[in-house]
């Protein structure tokens, strides 16, 4: 009678870490999309104009931008597991506060505080989970970073789908987001126990701050950051404004707007699941350029389309175009494992300025041209991402810019 061969402890540890990374990516997407799916209802409850909504959404970006410049240093000091855990508490707590703040008896200031906490927690969590994902990717020796981001997108599909259902059932936003916040914190706290062991050499701890500063002076790292910024804007505009744009531009109920957002994240998830195969067949450069072109086409169809079915096709194309630029940028930043935490922190910081600039820009354009026309900014971002795609070409550790 044959018995299954037990996995060596080291292989089992890597497998557990890989599965844990999938969960924390999915939890991040689930929490974020749960808020995004309720934006049209929050806009109506708080009676916000497009520019007012843009300023409110800016709170998320402010929190993230504050967190990101130091996230690489924090990961180097306390490890990815602790950074993700702390980030999940802040993000989950922020969701709860933001949800409670939408009650008419409370203040919009509470919503802004909650969103800032969500942005700060998600920002630090984002850098740490990408660093951990890159470490696992190197150990398994396969290009699986797009699959981790597919888990994020799957989380957004679930969050957006549930959010659309909650909107249709008229479940109050405070009750919905309180449950989501608690689920996010619980899932992450259980999962990070299986992350790879954190070992920080004394020298690395002393120089991690210098490594981050040095990464800010590397031309390739900054160009990768610009590419990530472009695709963050492509994705972020859909996250923040697609549902509202469909409601305003195509005169549909809030639940249909939320369903349109769910369609976008579903398309993005499919694109990310196909990512490893596409990268193996065509390489980073070609995939990023085609992704940018698809984003241009899809966003233009949604912004200028004559009918909702036409826009729905555009949403699918836009979602596929948004799928791979961000995870490819994270992999490119982590090509050299010695500099991964510092470079991922810099690339994330540059990329997240899209979330800082996007909400007020879209709000201002929305006030003057309508929200659905403002979605054309995503098409411009797609063109920029295609132009700077060459920065994502794979580099060996000893070829990295600034390596010593």
Protein backbone atom coordinates (compact mmCIF):
# COMPACT_ATOMS: atom_id res chain seq x y z
CA UNK A 1 0.00 0.00 0.00
CA UNK A 2 1.54 3.29 -1.09
CA UNK A 3 1.49 6.37 1.04
CA UNK A 4 1.63 9.98 -0.18
CA UNK A 5 5.05 11.55 0.09
CA UNK A 6 5.10 14.25 2.73
CA UNK A 7 6.21 17.70 1.61
CA UNK A 8 9.53 18.90 3.07
CA UNK A 9 9.00 21.55 5.77
CA UNK A 10 10.58 24.28 3.65
CA UNK A 11 8.28 23.58 0.68
CA UNK A 12 5.25 23.42 2.96
CA UNK A 13 6.21 26.77 4.49
CA UNK A 14 6.45 28.39 1.05
CA UNK A 15 3.11 26.86 0.01
CA UNK A 16 1.45 28.17 3.17
CA UNK A 17 3.00 31.58 2.61
CA UNK A 18 1.76 31.64 -0.98
CA UNK A 19 -1.79 30.83 0.13
CA UNK A 20 -1.61 33.46 2.88
CA UNK A 21 -0.53 36.09 0.35
CA UNK A 22 -3.52 35.18 -1.83
CA UNK A 23 -5.84 35.75 1.15
CA UNK A 24 -4.40 39.14 2.17
CA UNK A 25 -4.53 40.40 -1.43
CA UNK A 26 -8.16 39.25 -1.69
CA UNK A 27 -9.05 40.82 1.67
CA UNK A 28 -7.53 44.14 0.60
CA UNK A 29 -9.59 44.16 -2.59
CA UNK A 30 -12.74 43.05 -0.80
CA UNK A 31 -12.60 45.86 1.74
CA UNK A 32 -11.76 48.53 -0.82
CA UNK A 33 -14.44 47.51 -3.30
CA UNK A 34 -17.07 47.30 -0.58
CA UNK A 35 -16.64 51.04 -0.05
CA UNK A 36 -16.44 51.80 -3.79
CA UNK A 37 -19.70 49.97 -4.53
CA UNK A 38 -21.57 52.19 -2.04
CA UNK A 39 -20.23 55.53 -3.36
CA UNK A 40 -23.37 56.43 -5.41
CA UNK A 41 -25.58 55.90 -2.35
CA UNK A 42 -23.19 57.82 -0.10
CA UNK A 43 -23.17 60.66 -2.63
CA UNK A 44 -26.96 60.80 -2.52
CA UNK A 45 -27.19 60.50 1.27
CA UNK A 46 -24.69 63.30 1.85
CA UNK A 47 -26.00 65.34 -1.13
CA UNK A 48 -22.55 65.88 -2.67
CA UNK A 49 -21.72 67.52 -6.00
CA UNK A 50 -19.01 65.87 -8.17
CA UNK A 51 -16.35 68.26 -6.84
CA UNK A 52 -17.50 67.69 -3.24
CA UNK A 53 -17.32 63.94 -3.76
CA UNK A 54 -13.86 64.34 -5.28
CA UNK A 55 -12.64 66.20 -2.21
CA UNK A 56 -14.11 63.55 0.08
CA UNK A 57 -12.43 60.73 -1.86
CA UNK A 58 -9.17 62.65 -1.63
CA UNK A 59 -9.03 61.62 2.03
CA UNK A 60 -8.21 58.04 0.98
CA UNK A 61 -5.35 59.25 -1.20
CA UNK A 62 -3.98 61.54 1.50
CA UNK A 63 -3.83 58.63 3.94
CA UNK A 64 -2.10 56.40 1.39
CA UNK A 65 0.42 59.03 0.30
CA UNK A 66 1.37 59.68 3.93
CA UNK A 67 1.94 55.95 4.51
CA UNK A 68 3.79 54.95 1.35
CA UNK A 69 7.10 56.85 1.56
CA UNK A 70 7.99 55.13 4.83
CA UNK A 71 6.36 51.76 4.18
CA UNK A 72 9.54 50.19 2.78
CA UNK A 73 11.47 51.22 5.89
CA UNK A 74 8.71 49.85 8.15
CA UNK A 75 8.66 46.51 6.31
CA UNK A 76 12.44 46.30 6.66
CA UNK A 77 12.23 46.88 10.41
CA UNK A 78 9.19 44.88 11.56
CA UNK A 79 8.54 42.57 8.61
CA UNK A 80 5.76 42.19 6.08
CA UNK A 81 3.50 40.16 8.40
CA UNK A 82 3.31 42.78 11.13
CA UNK A 83 2.99 45.62 8.63
CA UNK A 84 0.07 43.91 6.89
CA UNK A 85 -1.60 43.13 10.23
CA UNK A 86 -1.36 46.73 11.46
CA UNK A 87 -2.52 48.01 8.07
CA UNK A 88 -5.57 45.74 8.15
CA UNK A 89 -6.62 47.05 11.56
CA UNK A 90 -6.37 50.63 10.32
CA UNK A 91 -8.13 49.87 7.03
CA UNK A 92 -10.88 47.78 8.59
CA UNK A 93 -11.39 50.33 11.35
CA UNK A 94 -11.47 53.07 8.72
CA UNK A 95 -14.25 51.26 6.85
CA UNK A 96 -16.28 51.03 10.03
CA UNK A 97 -15.78 54.73 10.86
CA UNK A 98 -16.56 55.82 7.28
CA UNK A 99 -19.67 53.67 7.24
CA UNK A 100 -20.93 55.06 10.53
CA UNK A 101 -20.18 58.57 9.29
CA UNK A 102 -22.67 58.22 6.42
CA UNK A 103 -25.55 58.18 8.90
CA UNK A 104 -27.40 61.51 8.55
CA UNK A 105 -27.05 62.07 12.31
CA UNK A 106 -23.23 62.09 12.09
CA UNK A 107 -20.77 64.31 10.25
CA UNK A 108 -19.04 64.13 6.88
CA UNK A 109 -15.85 64.78 8.83
CA UNK A 110 -16.20 61.30 10.33
CA UNK A 111 -16.39 59.84 6.81
CA UNK A 112 -13.23 61.71 5.83
CA UNK A 113 -11.39 60.47 8.94
CA UNK A 114 -12.46 56.91 8.23
CA UNK A 115 -11.37 57.16 4.59
CA UNK A 116 -7.98 58.58 5.61
CA UNK A 117 -7.49 55.61 7.94
CA UNK A 118 -8.54 53.29 5.13
CA UNK A 119 -6.01 54.91 2.81
CA UNK A 120 -3.18 54.83 5.34
CA UNK A 121 -3.82 51.23 6.32
CA UNK A 122 -4.29 50.03 2.74
CA UNK A 123 -1.17 51.90 1.57
CA UNK A 124 1.20 50.32 4.09
CA UNK A 125 -0.54 46.97 3.69
CA UNK A 126 -0.17 47.24 -0.11
CA UNK A 127 3.62 47.69 -0.03
CA UNK A 128 4.10 44.90 2.52
CA UNK A 129 1.96 42.34 0.70
CA UNK A 130 3.75 43.09 -2.59
CA UNK A 131 7.13 42.64 -0.92
CA UNK A 132 5.97 39.33 0.56
CA UNK A 133 4.49 38.30 -2.80
CA UNK A 134 7.78 39.07 -4.56
CA UNK A 135 9.66 36.95 -1.99
CA UNK A 136 7.31 34.01 -2.56
CA UNK A 137 7.56 34.51 -6.33
CA UNK A 138 11.36 34.20 -6.18
CA UNK A 139 11.20 31.05 -4.03
CA UNK A 140 8.77 29.25 -6.35
CA UNK A 141 10.74 30.54 -9.37
CA UNK A 142 7.60 31.33 -11.38
CA UNK A 143 5.97 34.58 -12.43
CA UNK A 144 2.96 34.47 -10.11
CA UNK A 145 2.67 38.13 -9.10
CA UNK A 146 -0.26 38.69 -11.51
CA UNK A 147 -2.05 35.81 -9.78
CA UNK A 148 -1.67 37.58 -6.42
CA UNK A 149 -3.16 40.70 -7.98
CA UNK A 150 -5.86 38.50 -9.48
CA UNK A 151 -6.71 37.52 -5.91
CA UNK A 152 -7.01 41.24 -5.12
CA UNK A 153 -9.31 41.62 -8.11
CA UNK A 154 -11.33 38.57 -7.09
CA UNK A 155 -11.78 40.23 -3.72
CA UNK A 156 -13.02 43.35 -5.50
CA UNK A 157 -15.45 41.25 -7.55
CA UNK A 158 -16.90 39.75 -4.38
CA UNK A 159 -16.94 43.11 -2.60
CA UNK A 160 -18.52 44.91 -5.55
CA UNK A 161 -21.08 42.14 -6.10
CA UNK A 162 -22.11 42.10 -2.46
CA UNK A 163 -22.14 45.90 -2.46
CA UNK A 164 -24.47 45.95 -5.45
CA UNK A 165 -26.72 43.46 -3.67
CA UNK A 166 -26.69 45.52 -0.49
CA UNK A 167 -27.59 48.61 -2.53
CA UNK A 168 -30.47 46.81 -4.24
CA UNK A 169 -31.73 45.48 -0.89
CA UNK A 170 -31.31 48.95 0.64
CA UNK A 171 -29.14 47.66 3.47
CA UNK A 172 -27.80 50.70 5.37
CA UNK A 173 -24.19 51.60 4.56
CA UNK A 174 -23.12 51.64 8.26
CA UNK A 175 -24.30 48.06 8.84
CA UNK A 176 -22.72 46.79 5.60
CA UNK A 177 -19.31 48.39 6.09
CA UNK A 178 -19.10 47.48 9.79
CA UNK A 179 -19.45 43.80 8.94
CA UNK A 180 -16.92 44.15 6.11
CA UNK A 181 -14.38 45.87 8.34
CA UNK A 182 -14.59 43.11 10.95
CA UNK A 183 -14.26 40.37 8.32
CA UNK A 184 -11.20 42.02 6.77
CA UNK A 185 -9.36 42.32 10.08
CA UNK A 186 -10.13 38.74 11.08
CA UNK A 187 -9.06 37.21 7.75
CA UNK A 188 -5.76 39.08 7.70
CA UNK A 189 -4.86 38.35 11.32
CA UNK A 190 -5.27 34.62 10.70
CA UNK A 191 -3.39 34.65 7.39
CA UNK A 192 -0.25 36.61 8.29
CA UNK A 193 0.72 33.89 10.76
CA UNK A 194 1.78 31.86 7.71
CA UNK A 195 3.98 34.51 6.08
CA UNK A 196 7.67 33.71 5.51
CA UNK A 197 9.89 34.22 8.57
CA UNK A 198 11.23 37.76 8.88
CA UNK A 199 14.99 37.94 9.25
CA UNK A 200 16.60 41.36 9.28
CA UNK A 201 20.37 41.49 9.32
CA UNK A 202 21.81 44.26 11.47
CA UNK A 203 23.36 45.98 8.48
CA UNK A 204 20.10 45.90 6.54
CA UNK A 205 18.22 47.52 9.42
CA UNK A 206 20.76 50.33 9.58
CA UNK A 207 20.76 51.02 5.86
CA UNK A 208 17.09 50.50 4.98
CA UNK A 209 16.37 54.23 5.24
CA UNK A 210 19.38 54.99 3.01
CA UNK A 211 18.19 52.32 0.53
CA UNK A 212 14.82 54.05 0.20
CA UNK A 213 16.50 57.43 -0.37
CA UNK A 214 18.85 55.88 -2.94
CA UNK A 215 15.92 54.28 -4.77
CA UNK A 216 14.36 57.73 -5.19
CA UNK A 217 17.41 58.70 -7.31
CA UNK A 218 17.24 55.72 -9.70
CA UNK A 219 15.85 56.68 -13.15
CA UNK A 220 14.50 53.20 -13.91
CA UNK A 221 12.71 52.96 -10.56
CA UNK A 222 11.08 56.34 -11.13
CA UNK A 223 10.00 55.39 -14.66
CA UNK A 224 8.48 52.16 -13.35
CA UNK A 225 6.70 54.37 -10.82
CA UNK A 226 5.28 56.51 -13.63
CA UNK A 227 4.05 53.38 -15.38
CA UNK A 228 2.41 52.18 -12.18
CA UNK A 229 0.93 55.66 -11.69
CA UNK A 230 -0.67 55.42 -15.13
CA UNK A 231 -2.26 52.05 -14.46
CA UNK A 232 -3.24 53.06 -10.92
CA UNK A 233 -5.09 55.98 -12.48
CA UNK A 234 -6.74 53.69 -15.06
CA UNK A 235 -7.93 51.41 -12.24
CA UNK A 236 -8.57 54.12 -9.66
CA UNK A 237 -10.84 56.17 -11.92
CA UNK A 238 -13.02 53.11 -12.43
CA UNK A 239 -13.00 52.37 -8.70
CA UNK A 240 -14.05 55.88 -7.69
CA UNK A 241 -16.12 57.13 -10.61
CA UNK A 242 -17.39 54.38 -12.90
CA UNK A 243 -20.55 53.65 -10.91
CA UNK A 244 -21.33 57.36 -10.54
CA UNK A 245 -20.56 57.98 -14.22
CA UNK A 246 -22.97 55.28 -15.33
CA UNK A 247 -25.72 56.61 -13.04
CA UNK A 248 -25.30 60.20 -14.22
CA UNK A 249 -24.35 59.60 -17.85
CA UNK A 250 -26.75 56.79 -18.73
CA UNK A 251 -29.59 57.64 -16.31
CA UNK A 252 -29.65 54.25 -14.54
CA UNK A 253 -30.38 53.35 -10.88
CA UNK A 254 -27.58 53.20 -8.31
CA UNK A 255 -27.73 49.40 -8.27
CA UNK A 256 -27.00 49.30 -12.02
CA UNK A 257 -24.05 51.65 -11.49
CA UNK A 258 -22.68 49.30 -8.82
CA UNK A 259 -23.22 46.35 -11.18
CA UNK A 260 -21.20 48.18 -13.85
CA UNK A 261 -18.34 48.51 -11.39
CA UNK A 262 -18.66 44.79 -10.59
CA UNK A 263 -18.40 44.05 -14.35
CA UNK A 264 -15.18 46.09 -14.52
CA UNK A 265 -13.48 44.26 -11.65
CA UNK A 266 -14.63 40.91 -13.05
CA UNK A 267 -12.93 41.70 -16.37
CA UNK A 268 -9.82 42.84 -14.52
CA UNK A 269 -9.74 39.61 -12.52
CA UNK A 270 -9.92 37.51 -15.69
CA UNK A 271 -7.05 39.53 -17.18
CA UNK A 272 -4.90 38.97 -14.12
CA UNK A 273 -5.62 35.24 -14.03
CA UNK A 274 -4.36 35.05 -17.62
CA UNK A 275 -1.35 37.23 -16.78
CA UNK A 276 1.33 34.54 -16.19
CA UNK A 277 0.53 32.86 -19.51
CA UNK A 278 0.54 36.15 -21.42
CA UNK A 279 3.82 37.22 -19.82
CA UNK A 280 5.45 33.89 -20.66
CA UNK A 281 4.33 34.13 -24.29
CA UNK A 282 4.85 37.84 -25.00
CA UNK A 283 7.00 39.36 -22.24
CA UNK A 284 6.45 42.40 -20.05
CA UNK A 285 6.96 45.10 -22.68
CA UNK A 286 4.40 43.88 -25.20
CA UNK A 287 1.83 43.05 -22.52
CA UNK A 288 2.06 46.51 -20.95
CA UNK A 289 1.78 48.29 -24.31
CA UNK A 290 -1.28 46.29 -25.35
CA UNK A 291 -2.81 46.84 -21.91
CA UNK A 292 -2.45 50.60 -22.29
CA UNK A 293 -4.05 50.51 -25.73
CA UNK A 294 -7.01 48.49 -24.42
CA UNK A 295 -7.50 50.97 -21.58
CA UNK A 296 -7.59 53.82 -24.09
CA UNK A 297 -10.23 52.04 -26.18
CA UNK A 298 -12.39 50.82 -23.30
CA UNK A 299 -12.48 54.07 -21.33
CA UNK A 300 -13.27 56.02 -24.52
CA UNK A 301 -16.19 53.69 -25.29
CA UNK A 302 -17.65 54.22 -21.81
CA UNK A 303 -17.16 58.00 -21.86
CA UNK A 304 -18.47 58.55 -25.39
CA UNK A 305 -20.79 55.61 -25.96
CA UNK A 306 -24.32 56.04 -27.33
CA UNK A 307 -25.95 53.36 -25.18
CA UNK A 308 -25.52 51.30 -22.02
CA UNK A 309 -24.82 47.99 -23.88
CA UNK A 310 -22.06 49.73 -25.87
CA UNK A 311 -20.64 51.10 -22.61
CA UNK A 312 -20.79 47.62 -21.07
CA UNK A 313 -18.50 46.30 -23.81
CA UNK A 314 -16.20 49.23 -23.13
CA UNK A 315 -16.18 48.38 -19.41
CA UNK A 316 -15.01 44.84 -20.24
CA UNK A 317 -12.20 46.12 -22.48
CA UNK A 318 -11.23 48.77 -19.92
CA UNK A 319 -11.06 46.15 -17.16
CA UNK A 320 -8.81 43.86 -19.19
CA UNK A 321 -6.56 46.81 -20.05
CA UNK A 322 -6.29 47.78 -16.38
CA UNK A 323 -5.38 44.26 -15.25
CA UNK A 324 -1.64 43.78 -15.62
CA UNK A 325 0.19 47.12 -15.58
CA UNK A 326 0.19 47.48 -11.79
CA UNK A 327 1.38 43.93 -10.90
CA UNK A 328 4.02 44.02 -13.66
CA UNK A 329 5.30 47.27 -12.18
CA UNK A 330 5.55 45.68 -8.73
CA UNK A 331 7.49 42.72 -10.15
CA UNK A 332 9.79 45.09 -12.03
CA UNK A 333 10.47 47.07 -8.86
CA UNK A 334 11.35 43.84 -7.03
CA UNK A 335 13.69 42.37 -9.69
CA UNK A 336 16.63 42.74 -7.28
CA UNK A 337 15.64 41.08 -3.96
CA UNK A 338 18.22 43.15 -2.05
CA UNK A 339 16.45 46.37 -3.02
CA UNK A 340 12.89 45.07 -3.29
CA UNK A 341 11.38 46.72 -0.19
CA UNK A 342 12.92 50.13 -0.95
CA UNK A 343 12.02 50.10 -4.63
CA UNK A 344 8.48 48.78 -4.12
CA UNK A 345 7.98 51.58 -1.58
CA UNK A 346 9.16 54.22 -4.08
CA UNK A 347 7.17 52.79 -6.99
CA UNK A 348 4.07 52.57 -4.80
CA UNK A 349 4.57 56.15 -3.61
CA UNK A 350 4.80 57.45 -7.17
CA UNK A 351 1.91 55.27 -8.28
CA UNK A 352 -0.39 56.30 -5.49
CA UNK A 353 -0.12 59.96 -6.43
CA UNK A 354 -2.70 58.93 -9.02
CA UNK A 355 -5.15 58.47 -6.17
CA UNK A 356 -4.12 61.87 -4.80
CA UNK A 357 -4.62 63.73 -8.08
CA UNK A 358 -7.45 61.64 -9.53
CA UNK A 359 -10.43 62.44 -7.28
CA UNK A 360 -10.20 66.27 -7.39
CA UNK A 361 -9.32 66.25 -11.10
CA UNK A 362 -12.26 64.03 -12.00
CA UNK A 363 -14.53 66.02 -9.69
CA UNK A 364 -13.56 69.30 -11.34
CA UNK A 365 -14.05 67.91 -14.85
CA UNK A 366 -17.30 66.29 -13.72
CA UNK A 367 -18.65 69.65 -12.56
CA UNK A 368 -17.96 71.19 -15.98
CA UNK A 369 -18.37 68.32 -18.48
CA UNK A 370 -20.23 65.63 -16.56
CA UNK A 371 -18.77 62.65 -14.75
CA UNK A 372 -19.11 60.24 -17.66
CA UNK A 373 -17.02 62.52 -19.93
CA UNK A 374 -14.43 62.89 -17.16
CA UNK A 375 -13.71 59.16 -17.51
CA UNK A 376 -11.65 60.05 -20.61
CA UNK A 377 -8.79 60.83 -18.21
CA UNK A 378 -8.36 57.04 -17.95
CA UNK A 379 -7.78 56.90 -21.71
CA UNK A 380 -5.03 59.51 -21.41
CA UNK A 381 -3.46 57.47 -18.61
CA UNK A 382 -3.54 54.36 -20.80
CA UNK A 383 -1.56 56.16 -23.49
CA UNK A 384 1.04 57.30 -20.94
CA UNK A 385 1.41 53.77 -19.56
CA UNK A 386 2.10 52.39 -23.03
CA UNK A 387 4.74 55.08 -23.69
CA UNK A 388 6.83 54.33 -20.57
CA UNK A 389 6.37 50.54 -20.72
CA UNK A 390 10.04 49.92 -21.62
CA UNK A 391 11.05 50.66 -18.02
CA UNK A 392 9.45 47.36 -16.94
CA UNK A 393 11.90 45.18 -18.89
CA UNK A 394 13.26 42.47 -16.62
CA UNK A 395 16.67 43.14 -15.05
CA UNK A 396 19.04 40.83 -13.23
CA UNK A 397 20.15 41.83 -9.75
CA UNK A 398 23.62 42.85 -10.91
CA UNK A 399 22.14 44.92 -13.77
CA UNK A 400 19.93 47.04 -11.49
CA UNK A 401 20.40 50.76 -11.70
CA UNK A 402 22.56 51.96 -8.88
CA UNK A 403 23.63 48.47 -7.76
CA UNK A 404 26.94 48.31 -5.92
